[in-house]
C-alpha atoms as a PDB file:
ATOM      1  CA  UNK A   1       3.535  -7.718 -40.330  1.00  0.00           C
ATOM      2  CA  UNK A   2       0.110  -8.860 -39.184  1.00  0.00           C
ATOM      3  CA  UNK A   3      -1.511  -8.055 -35.890  1.00  0.00           C
ATOM      4  CA  UNK A   4      -3.616 -10.651 -34.143  1.00  0.00           C
ATOM      5  CA  UNK A   5      -6.273  -9.236 -31.868  1.00  0.00           C
ATOM      6  CA  UNK A   6      -6.908 -11.252 -28.757  1.00  0.00           C
ATOM      7  CA  UNK A   7     -10.617 -11.513 -27.961  1.00  0.00           C
ATOM      8  CA  UNK A   8     -11.720  -9.244 -25.124  1.00  0.00           C
ATOM      9  CA  UNK A   9     -12.783 -12.104 -22.869  1.00  0.00           C
ATOM     10  CA  UNK A  10      -9.340 -13.697 -23.009  1.00  0.00           C
ATOM     11  CA  UNK A  11      -7.609 -10.366 -22.393  1.00  0.00           C
ATOM     12  CA  UNK A  12      -9.859  -9.618 -19.420  1.00  0.00           C
ATOM     13  CA  UNK A  13      -9.279 -13.111 -18.012  1.00  0.00           C
ATOM     14  CA  UNK A  14      -5.537 -12.421 -18.031  1.00  0.00           C
ATOM     15  CA  UNK A  15      -5.789  -9.110 -16.169  1.00  0.00           C
ATOM     16  CA  UNK A  16      -8.637 -10.098 -13.869  1.00  0.00           C
ATOM     17  CA  UNK A  17      -6.532 -10.964 -10.787  1.00  0.00           C
ATOM     18  CA  UNK A  18      -4.588  -7.721 -11.120  1.00  0.00           C
ATOM     19  CA  UNK A  19      -7.762  -5.649 -11.586  1.00  0.00           C
ATOM     20  CA  UNK A  20      -9.295  -7.177  -8.474  1.00  0.00           C
ATOM     21  CA  UNK A  21      -6.105  -6.609  -6.489  1.00  0.00           C
ATOM     22  CA  UNK A  22      -6.028  -2.991  -7.682  1.00  0.00           C
ATOM     23  CA  UNK A  23      -9.575  -2.214  -6.555  1.00  0.00           C
ATOM     24  CA  UNK A  24      -8.985  -3.805  -3.148  1.00  0.00           C
ATOM     25  CA  UNK A  25      -5.685  -1.992  -2.594  1.00  0.00           C
ATOM     26  CA  UNK A  26      -7.238   1.300  -3.673  1.00  0.00           C
ATOM     27  CA  UNK A  27     -10.230   0.776  -1.369  1.00  0.00           C
ATOM     28  CA  UNK A  28      -7.920  -0.060   1.563  1.00  0.00           C
ATOM     29  CA  UNK A  29      -5.782   3.018   0.994  1.00  0.00           C
ATOM     30  CA  UNK A  30      -8.549   5.514   0.221  1.00  0.00           C
ATOM     31  CA  UNK A  31     -10.750   4.405   3.109  1.00  0.00           C
ATOM     32  CA  UNK A  32      -7.862   5.224   5.453  1.00  0.00           C
ATOM     33  CA  UNK A  33      -6.796   8.405   3.652  1.00  0.00           C
ATOM     34  CA  UNK A  34     -10.322   9.813   3.159  1.00  0.00           C
ATOM     35  CA  UNK A  35     -12.513   8.038   5.762  1.00  0.00           C
ATOM     36  CA  UNK A  36     -15.472  10.396   5.335  1.00  0.00           C
ATOM     37  CA  UNK A  37     -15.466   9.987   1.553  1.00  0.00           C
ATOM     38  CA  UNK A  38     -15.019   6.207   1.387  1.00  0.00           C
ATOM     39  CA  UNK A  39     -16.821   3.950   3.850  1.00  0.00           C
ATOM     40  CA  UNK A  40     -16.007   0.263   3.698  1.00  0.00           C
ATOM     41  CA  UNK A  41     -17.740  -2.891   4.892  1.00  0.00           C
ATOM     42  CA  UNK A  42     -15.577  -5.958   5.440  1.00  0.00           C
ATOM     43  CA  UNK A  43     -16.418  -9.634   5.143  1.00  0.00           C
ATOM     44  CA  UNK A  44     -17.060 -11.277   8.521  1.00  0.00           C
ATOM     45  CA  UNK A  45     -13.918 -13.383   8.382  1.00  0.00           C
ATOM     46  CA  UNK A  46     -10.883 -14.036   6.245  1.00  0.00           C
ATOM     47  CA  UNK A  47     -12.025 -15.846   3.103  1.00  0.00           C
ATOM     48  CA  UNK A  48      -9.520 -18.443   1.876  1.00  0.00           C
ATOM     49  CA  UNK A  49      -6.176 -16.779   1.119  1.00  0.00           C
ATOM     50  CA  UNK A  50      -7.649 -13.327   0.515  1.00  0.00           C
ATOM     51  CA  UNK A  51      -7.019 -10.848   3.288  1.00  0.00           C
ATOM     52  CA  UNK A  52      -7.106  -7.123   3.716  1.00  0.00           C
ATOM     53  CA  UNK A  53      -4.341  -5.019   5.135  1.00  0.00           C
ATOM     54  CA  UNK A  54      -2.834  -6.095   8.462  1.00  0.00           C
ATOM     55  CA  UNK A  55      -4.590  -9.477   8.290  1.00  0.00           C
ATOM     56  CA  UNK A  56      -8.075  -7.977   8.413  1.00  0.00           C
ATOM     57  CA  UNK A  57     -10.884  -9.607   6.424  1.00  0.00           C
ATOM     58  CA  UNK A  58     -11.120  -8.411   2.823  1.00  0.00           C
ATOM     59  CA  UNK A  59     -13.366  -5.499   1.886  1.00  0.00           C
ATOM     60  CA  UNK A  60     -16.851  -6.560   0.866  1.00  0.00           C
ATOM     61  CA  UNK A  61     -18.150  -3.202  -0.362  1.00  0.00           C
ATOM     62  CA  UNK A  62     -17.213   0.449  -0.567  1.00  0.00           C
ATOM     63  CA  UNK A  63     -19.576   3.394  -0.345  1.00  0.00           C
ATOM     64  CA  UNK A  64     -18.451   6.477  -2.234  1.00  0.00           C
ATOM     65  CA  UNK A  65     -20.123   9.366  -0.402  1.00  0.00           C
ATOM     66  CA  UNK A  66     -19.899  12.036  -3.142  1.00  0.00           C
ATOM     67  CA  UNK A  67     -21.702   9.670  -5.523  1.00  0.00           C
ATOM     68  CA  UNK A  68     -24.092   8.346  -2.887  1.00  0.00           C
ATOM     69  CA  UNK A  69     -23.498   4.830  -4.212  1.00  0.00           C
ATOM     70  CA  UNK A  70     -22.235   1.580  -2.746  1.00  0.00           C
ATOM     71  CA  UNK A  71     -20.335  -1.030  -4.768  1.00  0.00           C
ATOM     72  CA  UNK A  72     -19.603  -4.692  -4.003  1.00  0.00           C
ATOM     73  CA  UNK A  73     -15.968  -5.535  -4.727  1.00  0.00           C
ATOM     74  CA  UNK A  74     -15.269  -8.808  -6.532  1.00  0.00           C
ATOM     75  CA  UNK A  75     -13.003 -11.170  -4.593  1.00  0.00           C
ATOM     76  CA  UNK A  76     -11.837 -13.442  -7.406  1.00  0.00           C
ATOM     77  CA  UNK A  77     -12.156 -13.787 -11.195  1.00  0.00           C
ATOM     78  CA  UNK A  78     -15.177 -16.096 -10.886  1.00  0.00           C
ATOM     79  CA  UNK A  79     -17.059 -13.629  -8.698  1.00  0.00           C
ATOM     80  CA  UNK A  80     -19.880 -12.878 -11.103  1.00  0.00           C
ATOM     81  CA  UNK A  81     -19.813 -11.921 -14.741  1.00  0.00           C
ATOM     82  CA  UNK A  82     -17.129  -9.462 -15.876  1.00  0.00           C
ATOM     83  CA  UNK A  83     -15.394  -9.292 -12.493  1.00  0.00           C
ATOM     84  CA  UNK A  84     -12.356  -7.526 -13.990  1.00  0.00           C
ATOM     85  CA  UNK A  85     -14.465  -4.910 -15.747  1.00  0.00           C
ATOM     86  CA  UNK A  86     -16.464  -4.214 -12.581  1.00  0.00           C
ATOM     87  CA  UNK A  87     -13.255  -3.959 -10.555  1.00  0.00           C
ATOM     88  CA  UNK A  88     -11.752  -1.443 -12.987  1.00  0.00           C
ATOM     89  CA  UNK A  89     -14.974   0.594 -13.122  1.00  0.00           C
ATOM     90  CA  UNK A  90     -15.106   0.834  -9.321  1.00  0.00           C
ATOM     91  CA  UNK A  91     -11.398   1.708  -9.157  1.00  0.00           C
ATOM     92  CA  UNK A  92     -11.869   4.484 -11.703  1.00  0.00           C
ATOM     93  CA  UNK A  93     -14.833   5.922  -9.791  1.00  0.00           C
ATOM     94  CA  UNK A  94     -12.781   5.950  -6.583  1.00  0.00           C
ATOM     95  CA  UNK A  95      -9.840   7.591  -8.348  1.00  0.00           C
ATOM     96  CA  UNK A  96     -11.967  10.336  -9.911  1.00  0.00           C
ATOM     97  CA  UNK A  97     -13.481  11.188  -6.518  1.00  0.00           C
ATOM     98  CA  UNK A  98     -10.015  11.770  -5.054  1.00  0.00           C
ATOM     99  CA  UNK A  99      -8.670  13.986  -7.821  1.00  0.00           C
ATOM    100  CA  UNK A 100      -8.107  17.438  -6.323  1.00  0.00           C
ATOM    101  CA  UNK A 101      -9.058  18.978  -9.616  1.00  0.00           C
ATOM    102  CA  UNK A 102     -10.269  17.788 -12.953  1.00  0.00           C
ATOM    103  CA  UNK A 103      -8.967  19.569 -16.016  1.00  0.00           C
ATOM    104  CA  UNK A 104     -11.163  19.745 -19.092  1.00  0.00           C
ATOM    105  CA  UNK A 105      -9.975  20.794 -22.529  1.00  0.00           C
ATOM    106  CA  UNK A 106     -12.753  22.731 -24.235  1.00  0.00           C
ATOM    107  CA  UNK A 107     -13.390  22.988 -27.978  1.00  0.00           C
ATOM    108  CA  UNK A 108     -11.542  26.297 -28.145  1.00  0.00           C
ATOM    109  CA  UNK A 109      -8.488  24.574 -26.582  1.00  0.00           C
ATOM    110  CA  UNK A 110      -8.802  26.241 -23.180  1.00  0.00           C
ATOM    111  CA  UNK A 111      -8.237  24.180 -20.077  1.00  0.00           C
ATOM    112  CA  UNK A 112     -10.871  24.534 -17.394  1.00  0.00           C
ATOM    113  CA  UNK A 113      -9.977  23.685 -13.828  1.00  0.00           C
ATOM    114  CA  UNK A 114     -13.000  23.716 -11.595  1.00  0.00           C
ATOM    115  CA  UNK A 115     -14.795  26.827 -12.809  1.00  0.00           C
ATOM    116  CA  UNK A 116     -11.707  28.869 -13.771  1.00  0.00           C
ATOM    117  CA  UNK A 117      -9.996  29.184 -17.110  1.00  0.00           C
ATOM    118  CA  UNK A 118      -6.265  28.509 -16.901  1.00  0.00           C
END
């Protein structure tokens, strides 16, 4: 049995709409759930068929306070180079900032949670 690898660009093109939808949904939810951690800026008006929650204009950018960084969210697959990759990177940064704890497995196979061994 042979395995054919699909080039990365074609794979990303297939998941691009879903990646962009994910980052927008995550930004909508997290900006309401953690308003002091995630500050959003919306587009001035509804752009084509893309809308935010409750018919609001879509999110233009999100500022992640713990990182001190602001990120422009892609609106569609043609929104700059590697729109899907950027969307997934932003989504992962938002997710990591909401994790109540991060567990790390050290070389001696001990899980660290915060600063405590567990």
